[in-house]
C-alpha cells in the first residue's frame, strides 16, 4: 500500500466510490434487452477476431493463440477495472514519491488530506470518462482471475455506452456493435501478435514516470495552473505551447522525448484500429459508411463547454488527433507498399514510426523499406 505519513497518497477506494456515484445513468433498457446486448457483443467479439486476423495478416491462419478474456461491463465495471489498472501502472511512481516525502515536514498532513483529495479528483475524472468509452483493450490489467496464464491484457466492452451512442446516432445497432468490436479486436490482435509491444510500452511509461521529480505540492500547483487556464485565466491570444493537458504540464525535457515516442506509438495503434475497422467494414458491416460519417461528426461536435474543458485538461483532444493522424499514416503506407509492407512496422521498436514520420509517412517508408531493401 502506498502511503505518506501513514496515509495513502491516493485513496483508491474513495476514487472508485466517487466515480461510481457520479457516473451518469446509462440508457433505459429492459433486463431482457440488456442480456441480448451482452450476448451479441460477445458473439461479435469472437467473429471480429477472424475478420481482423484475415484483413491485417498479422497472425498466420494456423496460429493458435491463447484466448484473451472478453468482459462486457457496465460503467461501474469499467471504473473498477481502470482503478485497478491505474494502481498497477502507477505503483513505482507512488513508491518513489512515498520515499521522498515520508520524512518531509508536512508530509503527514499531506498524506492524510492529499490522498483523499486525489482520490476524489481521480474519481471525478473516471466518472466523466466512464460514460464515453465504448471499448478498451486493457493492456496493463493486474493479474487476477480474468487474466490469462502468463499475463497479458483483456478486452472490455462497455455495453451501456455502445447502446447510448448507437441510439444517439440512429444507426443500425447490430452493425454498430460489430464495428466497435472490430476496432477493439484490432488492439487485441496488435498485442497478441507482437510479443514485444506490451513490454516496450510499459518500459516507455515507466521511464516517463521515473523522470518525474516533483513533490505533491507542486502537482497541486500545476493543477491550479491548469484550472486557471481552462477558466480563461490565460490572456486572450496567448498560446499555451504545452496544449494545457495535465500530462504536459508536469513533464521534464526528458519526459518530452519519451512522450513524443509514446504519442507516435499510440497514434499508430489507434490509427491502425480505425483503418482496420473501416477496411473490414464493407464486407461484414453493410452500413459502415453511414456509421463512420455520423461517428466522425459526433467526434468533431463534442459536447458543451465543460466537456471541452475536461477534454483539454485530460489531453483527450490530442487523442482524437491520434486517431486521425494515425489512420492517415496507415492508409498512406498500405497504399504505397501493401499490407505486408506496412506490417514491417511490427518488426521491432526500431521500426515503429517516430512522431515526425506519423505526419510524413514517406519518411518512414524511406527509412524502413528503401534503406532496408538496399542493404539486403
Protein backbone atom coordinates (compact mmCIF):
# COMPACT_ATOMS: atom_id res chain seq x y z
CA UNK A 1 0.00 0.00 0.00
CA UNK A 2 1.44 3.39 -1.00
CA UNK A 3 1.46 5.77 1.97
CA UNK A 4 2.92 9.10 3.05
CA UNK A 5 2.99 9.88 6.74
CA UNK A 6 0.79 6.84 7.46
CA UNK A 7 -1.88 7.61 4.84
CA UNK A 8 -2.29 6.54 1.24
CA UNK A 9 -1.14 9.05 -1.37
CA UNK A 10 -4.18 8.08 -3.42
CA UNK A 11 -7.30 6.79 -1.71
CA UNK A 12 -8.16 4.25 -4.40
CA UNK A 13 -11.34 3.07 -2.69
CA UNK A 14 -12.58 6.65 -2.50
CA UNK A 15 -11.69 7.15 -6.17
CA UNK A 16 -13.79 4.13 -7.13
CA UNK A 17 -16.68 5.14 -4.89
CA UNK A 18 -16.64 8.72 -6.23
CA UNK A 19 -16.54 7.61 -9.86
CA UNK A 20 -19.36 5.12 -9.35
CA UNK A 21 -21.51 7.65 -7.51
CA UNK A 22 -21.17 10.44 -10.07
CA UNK A 23 -21.22 8.33 -13.24
CA UNK A 24 -24.21 9.17 -15.41
CA UNK A 25 -27.10 6.77 -15.68
CA UNK A 26 -27.00 4.52 -18.71
CA UNK A 27 -29.72 4.27 -21.34
CA UNK A 28 -33.08 2.80 -20.40
CA UNK A 29 -33.12 -0.89 -21.34
CA UNK A 30 -35.08 -3.82 -20.01
CA UNK A 31 -33.37 -6.79 -18.39
CA UNK A 32 -34.07 -8.92 -21.46
CA UNK A 33 -32.66 -6.23 -23.77
CA UNK A 34 -29.54 -5.97 -21.62
CA UNK A 35 -28.98 -9.73 -21.77
CA UNK A 36 -29.41 -9.66 -25.55
CA UNK A 37 -26.89 -6.82 -25.95
CA UNK A 38 -24.31 -8.62 -23.81
CA UNK A 39 -24.75 -11.87 -25.74
CA UNK A 40 -24.47 -10.11 -29.09
CA UNK A 41 -21.32 -8.22 -28.09
CA UNK A 42 -19.70 -11.49 -27.05
CA UNK A 43 -20.60 -13.04 -30.42
CA UNK A 44 -19.28 -10.02 -32.29
CA UNK A 45 -16.03 -10.06 -30.32
CA UNK A 46 -15.50 -13.65 -31.43
CA UNK A 47 -16.35 -13.06 -35.10
CA UNK A 48 -14.31 -9.84 -35.17
CA UNK A 49 -11.23 -11.87 -34.26
CA UNK A 50 -11.48 -13.84 -37.51
CA UNK A 51 -12.18 -10.77 -39.64
CA UNK A 52 -9.27 -8.77 -38.18
CA UNK A 53 -6.86 -11.67 -38.46
CA UNK A 54 -7.69 -12.15 -42.16
CA UNK A 55 -7.54 -8.44 -43.00
CA UNK A 56 -4.35 -7.50 -41.13
CA UNK A 57 -2.37 -10.67 -41.91
CA UNK A 58 -0.50 -10.08 -38.65
CA UNK A 59 -1.15 -13.62 -37.40
CA UNK A 60 -0.73 -16.76 -39.56
CA UNK A 61 -4.02 -18.58 -40.03
CA UNK A 62 -2.75 -21.77 -38.41
CA UNK A 63 -1.52 -19.97 -35.27
CA UNK A 64 -3.45 -20.91 -32.15
CA UNK A 65 -3.33 -18.06 -29.67
CA UNK A 66 -4.43 -18.28 -26.06
CA UNK A 67 -7.83 -16.70 -25.51
CA UNK A 68 -7.81 -13.17 -24.16
CA UNK A 69 -10.66 -12.52 -21.74
CA UNK A 70 -13.58 -10.52 -23.13
CA UNK A 71 -15.58 -8.71 -20.48
CA UNK A 72 -18.85 -6.94 -21.27
CA UNK A 73 -19.19 -4.41 -18.45
CA UNK A 74 -21.33 -1.53 -17.26
CA UNK A 75 -19.91 1.86 -16.33
CA UNK A 76 -19.15 0.81 -12.76
CA UNK A 77 -17.32 -2.25 -14.08
CA UNK A 78 -15.22 -0.07 -16.37
CA UNK A 79 -14.35 2.20 -13.43
CA UNK A 80 -13.33 -0.76 -11.26
CA UNK A 81 -11.07 -2.15 -14.00
CA UNK A 82 -9.38 1.19 -14.61
CA UNK A 83 -8.79 1.98 -10.94
CA UNK A 84 -7.00 -1.38 -10.73
CA UNK A 85 -5.03 -0.54 -13.89
CA UNK A 86 -4.02 2.91 -12.63
CA UNK A 87 -2.96 1.42 -9.33
CA UNK A 88 -0.79 -1.14 -11.09
CA UNK A 89 0.95 1.14 -13.58
CA UNK A 90 1.49 3.99 -11.09
CA UNK A 91 2.87 1.80 -8.33
CA UNK A 92 6.58 2.63 -8.98
CA UNK A 93 5.86 6.37 -9.07
CA UNK A 94 3.81 6.21 -5.87
CA UNK A 95 6.61 4.35 -4.10
CA UNK A 96 9.17 6.89 -5.29
CA UNK A 97 7.08 9.81 -4.02
CA UNK A 98 6.42 7.99 -0.76
CA UNK A 99 10.13 7.57 -0.10
CA UNK A 100 10.80 11.24 -0.88
CA UNK A 101 8.03 12.70 1.23
CA UNK A 102 7.84 10.33 4.20
CA UNK A 103 10.22 12.39 6.36
CA UNK A 104 9.48 15.80 4.89
CA UNK A 105 7.86 18.49 7.09
CA UNK A 106 4.16 18.48 6.40
CA UNK A 107 4.30 15.05 4.78
CA UNK A 108 1.90 13.51 7.28
CA UNK A 109 -0.65 16.29 6.77
CA UNK A 110 -0.46 15.98 3.01
CA UNK A 111 -0.74 12.21 3.29
CA UNK A 112 -3.90 12.41 5.38
CA UNK A 113 -5.62 15.07 3.31
CA UNK A 114 -3.98 14.77 -0.08
CA UNK A 115 -4.79 11.09 -0.52
CA UNK A 116 -8.49 11.76 -0.18
CA UNK A 117 -8.37 14.88 -2.33
CA UNK A 118 -6.52 12.99 -5.06
CA UNK A 119 -8.93 10.09 -4.70
CA UNK A 120 -11.92 12.37 -5.25
CA UNK A 121 -10.25 14.11 -8.21
CA UNK A 122 -9.37 10.81 -9.87
CA UNK A 123 -12.88 9.54 -9.19
CA UNK A 124 -14.46 12.58 -10.84
CA UNK A 125 -12.27 12.18 -13.93
CA UNK A 126 -13.14 8.49 -14.18
CA UNK A 127 -16.84 9.27 -13.81
CA UNK A 128 -16.52 11.68 -16.75
CA UNK A 129 -14.76 9.09 -18.89
CA UNK A 130 -16.97 6.17 -17.87
CA UNK A 131 -19.88 7.38 -19.99
CA UNK A 132 -17.73 8.00 -23.08
CA UNK A 133 -15.56 4.91 -23.55
CA UNK A 134 -17.08 2.30 -25.87
CA UNK A 135 -14.39 -0.33 -25.50
CA UNK A 136 -10.86 -0.76 -24.28
CA UNK A 137 -8.07 -3.28 -24.59
CA UNK A 138 -6.70 -3.20 -21.06
CA UNK A 139 -3.01 -3.72 -21.70
CA UNK A 140 -1.77 -3.43 -18.13
CA UNK A 141 -4.51 -5.18 -16.21
CA UNK A 142 -3.21 -6.66 -12.93
CA UNK A 143 -3.05 -10.42 -12.55
CA UNK A 144 -6.32 -11.96 -11.46
CA UNK A 145 -9.00 -14.49 -12.23
CA UNK A 146 -9.97 -12.79 -15.51
CA UNK A 147 -6.40 -12.76 -16.83
CA UNK A 148 -4.84 -15.48 -18.99
CA UNK A 149 -1.97 -17.57 -17.68
CA UNK A 150 1.33 -15.80 -18.19
CA UNK A 151 -0.18 -12.31 -18.11
CA UNK A 152 -1.37 -10.15 -20.99
CA UNK A 153 -4.41 -7.97 -21.40
CA UNK A 154 -8.17 -8.23 -21.58
CA UNK A 155 -10.85 -6.72 -23.74
CA UNK A 156 -13.55 -4.55 -22.16
CA UNK A 157 -16.76 -3.63 -23.98
CA UNK A 158 -18.90 -1.02 -22.19
CA UNK A 159 -22.43 -2.10 -23.11
CA UNK A 160 -24.47 0.95 -21.91
CA UNK A 161 -22.20 3.37 -23.77
CA UNK A 162 -22.42 1.38 -27.00
CA UNK A 163 -26.22 1.34 -26.76
CA UNK A 164 -26.29 5.05 -25.92
CA UNK A 165 -24.19 6.04 -28.95
CA UNK A 166 -25.99 3.79 -31.42
CA UNK A 167 -29.29 5.37 -30.34
CA UNK A 168 -27.86 8.89 -30.46
CA UNK A 169 -26.51 8.35 -33.98
CA UNK A 170 -29.64 6.46 -35.10
CA UNK A 171 -27.58 3.75 -36.78
CA UNK A 172 -28.30 0.05 -37.20
CA UNK A 173 -27.49 -1.47 -33.77
CA UNK A 174 -26.10 -4.82 -34.95
CA UNK A 175 -23.79 -3.13 -37.45
CA UNK A 176 -22.59 -0.57 -34.92
CA UNK A 177 -21.83 -3.18 -32.27
CA UNK A 178 -19.74 -5.24 -34.69
CA UNK A 179 -17.99 -2.07 -35.92
CA UNK A 180 -16.93 -1.21 -32.36
CA UNK A 181 -15.76 -4.77 -31.76
CA UNK A 182 -13.61 -4.62 -34.91
CA UNK A 183 -11.75 -1.61 -33.51
CA UNK A 184 -11.14 -3.16 -30.10
CA UNK A 185 -10.28 -6.56 -31.56
CA UNK A 186 -7.59 -4.86 -33.65
CA UNK A 187 -5.95 -3.69 -30.41
CA UNK A 188 -6.10 -7.22 -29.04
CA UNK A 189 -4.50 -8.51 -32.25
CA UNK A 190 -1.75 -5.90 -32.05
CA UNK A 191 -0.66 -7.02 -28.59
CA UNK A 192 -1.08 -10.76 -29.12
CA UNK A 193 0.68 -10.81 -32.50
CA UNK A 194 3.58 -8.57 -31.42
CA UNK A 195 5.09 -10.16 -28.27
CA UNK A 196 7.47 -7.29 -27.50
CA UNK A 197 4.89 -4.49 -27.80
CA UNK A 198 3.44 -4.64 -24.28
CA UNK A 199 6.86 -4.67 -22.58
CA UNK A 200 8.06 -1.86 -24.84
CA UNK A 201 5.08 0.33 -23.98
CA UNK A 202 5.35 -0.43 -20.28
CA UNK A 203 9.05 0.40 -20.38
CA UNK A 204 8.36 3.76 -22.01
CA UNK A 205 5.65 4.60 -19.49
CA UNK A 206 7.82 3.64 -16.55
CA UNK A 207 10.69 5.70 -17.97
CA UNK A 208 8.30 8.65 -18.25
CA UNK A 209 7.17 8.22 -14.65
CA UNK A 210 10.70 7.69 -13.34
CA UNK A 211 11.66 11.09 -14.75
CA UNK A 212 9.01 12.72 -12.58
CA UNK A 213 10.92 14.70 -9.97
CA UNK A 214 8.20 16.77 -8.34
CA UNK A 215 6.64 16.70 -4.93
CA UNK A 216 2.90 16.51 -4.29
CA UNK A 217 2.57 20.23 -3.55
CA UNK A 218 4.00 21.01 -6.99
CA UNK A 219 1.40 18.71 -8.55
CA UNK A 220 -1.34 20.65 -6.77
CA UNK A 221 0.14 23.93 -8.01
CA UNK A 222 0.15 22.63 -11.58
CA UNK A 223 -3.46 21.56 -11.18
CA UNK A 224 -4.35 25.09 -10.12
CA UNK A 225 -2.48 26.48 -13.14
CA UNK A 226 -4.40 24.14 -15.41
CA UNK A 227 -7.70 25.12 -13.81
CA UNK A 228 -6.92 28.82 -14.27
CA UNK A 229 -6.05 28.22 -17.91
CA UNK A 230 -9.29 26.36 -18.51
CA UNK A 231 -11.27 29.03 -16.70
CA UNK A 232 -9.93 31.70 -19.03
CA UNK A 233 -7.14 32.98 -16.79
CA UNK A 234 -4.68 33.00 -19.70
CA UNK A 235 -4.75 36.32 -21.60
CA UNK A 236 -6.69 36.15 -24.85
CA UNK A 237 -4.47 35.31 -27.79
CA UNK A 238 -1.66 33.91 -25.63
CA UNK A 239 -0.94 30.37 -26.76
CA UNK A 240 -0.12 27.51 -24.39
CA UNK A 241 2.61 25.53 -26.14
CA UNK A 242 2.01 22.53 -23.89
CA UNK A 243 -1.60 22.29 -25.01
CA UNK A 244 -2.80 22.65 -21.40
CA UNK A 245 -3.13 18.95 -20.56
CA UNK A 246 -2.06 17.64 -17.17
CA UNK A 247 0.42 15.25 -18.72
CA UNK A 248 2.27 18.02 -20.49
CA UNK A 249 2.14 20.45 -17.59
CA UNK A 250 4.30 18.20 -15.41
CA UNK A 251 6.83 16.89 -17.92
CA UNK A 252 10.58 17.46 -17.86
CA UNK A 253 12.70 17.79 -21.05
CA UNK A 254 13.50 14.07 -20.84
CA UNK A 255 9.81 13.31 -20.49
CA UNK A 256 9.08 15.34 -23.62
CA UNK A 257 11.24 12.97 -25.64
CA UNK A 258 9.56 9.91 -24.15
CA UNK A 259 6.11 11.43 -24.63
CA UNK A 260 6.94 12.09 -28.28
CA UNK A 261 7.70 8.39 -28.76
CA UNK A 262 4.60 7.34 -26.83
CA UNK A 263 2.44 9.69 -28.89
CA UNK A 264 3.75 8.14 -32.09
CA UNK A 265 3.07 4.60 -30.88
CA UNK A 266 -0.44 5.46 -29.69
CA UNK A 267 -1.17 7.22 -32.98
CA UNK A 268 -0.06 4.08 -34.80
CA UNK A 269 -2.18 1.76 -32.64
CA UNK A 270 -5.32 3.90 -32.73
CA UNK A 271 -4.99 4.78 -36.41
CA UNK A 272 -4.39 1.15 -37.33
CA UNK A 273 -7.54 0.14 -35.43
CA UNK A 274 -9.59 2.80 -37.25
CA UNK A 275 -8.15 1.73 -40.60
CA UNK A 276 -8.95 -1.93 -39.95
CA UNK A 277 -12.49 -1.36 -38.68
CA UNK A 278 -13.32 0.58 -41.84
CA UNK A 279 -11.37 -1.77 -44.10
CA UNK A 280 -13.17 -4.85 -42.82
CA UNK A 281 -16.44 -2.97 -42.64
CA UNK A 282 -17.84 -3.17 -46.18
CA UNK A 283 -17.67 -6.98 -46.14
CA UNK A 284 -19.42 -7.51 -42.81
CA UNK A 285 -20.97 -4.16 -41.78
CA UNK A 286 -23.33 -3.04 -44.58
CA UNK A 287 -23.89 0.43 -43.12
CA UNK A 288 -20.25 1.15 -42.32
CA UNK A 289 -20.10 4.34 -44.40
CA UNK A 290 -23.11 5.82 -42.63
CA UNK A 291 -21.72 4.81 -39.23
CA UNK A 292 -18.30 6.33 -39.95
CA UNK A 293 -19.75 9.61 -41.22
CA UNK A 294 -22.05 10.05 -38.22
CA UNK A 295 -19.38 8.96 -35.76
CA UNK A 296 -16.87 11.45 -37.16
CA UNK A 297 -19.44 14.22 -36.88
CA UNK A 298 -20.03 13.24 -33.27
CA UNK A 299 -16.30 13.33 -32.51
CA UNK A 300 -15.94 16.76 -34.09
CA UNK A 301 -19.06 18.16 -32.49
CA UNK A 302 -18.17 17.25 -28.91
CA UNK A 303 -20.39 18.41 -26.07
CA UNK A 304 -20.67 21.56 -24.00
CA UNK A 305 -18.07 23.91 -22.59
CA UNK A 306 -17.38 21.75 -19.54
CA UNK A 307 -16.85 18.72 -21.76
CA UNK A 308 -14.42 20.67 -23.93
CA UNK A 309 -12.53 21.94 -20.88
CA UNK A 310 -12.18 18.44 -19.47
CA UNK A 311 -11.06 17.14 -22.84
CA UNK A 312 -8.29 19.73 -22.91
CA UNK A 313 -7.29 19.10 -19.31
CA UNK A 314 -7.06 15.35 -19.87
CA UNK A 315 -5.36 15.63 -23.22
CA UNK A 316 -8.30 13.96 -25.00
CA UNK A 317 -8.14 16.39 -27.91
CA UNK A 318 -4.67 15.01 -28.58
CA UNK A 319 -6.13 11.50 -28.52
CA UNK A 320 -8.65 12.45 -31.20
CA UNK A 321 -5.79 13.75 -33.34
CA UNK A 322 -4.06 10.41 -32.82
CA UNK A 323 -6.97 8.60 -34.47
CA UNK A 324 -6.92 10.94 -37.46
CA UNK A 325 -3.16 11.23 -37.97
CA UNK A 326 -2.52 7.56 -37.28
CA UNK A 327 -5.21 6.40 -39.70
CA UNK A 328 -3.76 8.66 -42.41
CA UNK A 329 -0.29 7.19 -41.79
CA UNK A 330 -1.53 3.59 -42.04
CA UNK A 331 -3.63 4.25 -45.13
CA UNK A 332 -0.78 6.03 -46.92
CA UNK A 333 1.74 3.29 -46.14
CA UNK A 334 -0.62 0.45 -47.14
CA UNK A 335 -1.45 2.24 -50.40
CA UNK A 336 2.27 2.59 -51.13
CA UNK A 337 3.76 -0.75 -50.03
CA UNK A 338 0.78 -3.02 -49.31
CA UNK A 339 -0.39 -4.63 -46.08
CA UNK A 340 2.64 -6.91 -45.76
CA UNK A 341 4.91 -3.92 -46.33
CA UNK A 342 3.07 -1.98 -43.64
CA UNK A 343 3.43 -4.92 -41.25
CA UNK A 344 7.17 -4.31 -41.13
CA UNK A 345 6.21 -1.70 -38.55
CA UNK A 346 5.81 -4.56 -36.04
CA UNK A 347 9.33 -5.96 -36.55
CA UNK A 348 10.96 -4.25 -33.55
CA UNK A 349 10.86 -0.98 -31.59
CA UNK A 350 13.30 0.42 -34.18
CA UNK A 351 10.72 0.06 -36.97
CA UNK A 352 7.99 1.92 -35.12
CA UNK A 353 7.31 5.34 -36.67
CA UNK A 354 8.51 8.49 -34.98
CA UNK A 355 6.13 11.34 -34.30
CA UNK A 356 7.56 13.15 -37.34
CA UNK A 357 7.06 10.06 -39.51
CA UNK A 358 3.42 9.76 -38.44
CA UNK A 359 2.95 13.18 -40.05
CA UNK A 360 5.16 12.27 -43.04
CA UNK A 361 4.66 8.56 -43.90
CA UNK A 362 7.03 8.77 -46.87
CA UNK A 363 9.89 9.29 -44.40
CA UNK A 364 9.04 6.04 -42.61
CA UNK A 365 8.83 4.19 -45.94
CA UNK A 366 12.22 5.58 -46.95
CA UNK A 367 13.82 4.62 -43.63
CA UNK A 368 12.33 1.14 -43.20
CA UNK A 369 11.81 -0.02 -46.78
CA UNK A 370 14.22 1.64 -49.14
CA UNK A 371 17.19 1.60 -46.79
CA UNK A 372 16.34 -1.91 -45.66
CA UNK A 373 15.86 -3.17 -49.21
CA UNK A 374 19.08 -1.56 -50.46
CA UNK A 375 21.03 -3.16 -47.61
CA UNK A 376 19.70 -6.65 -48.41
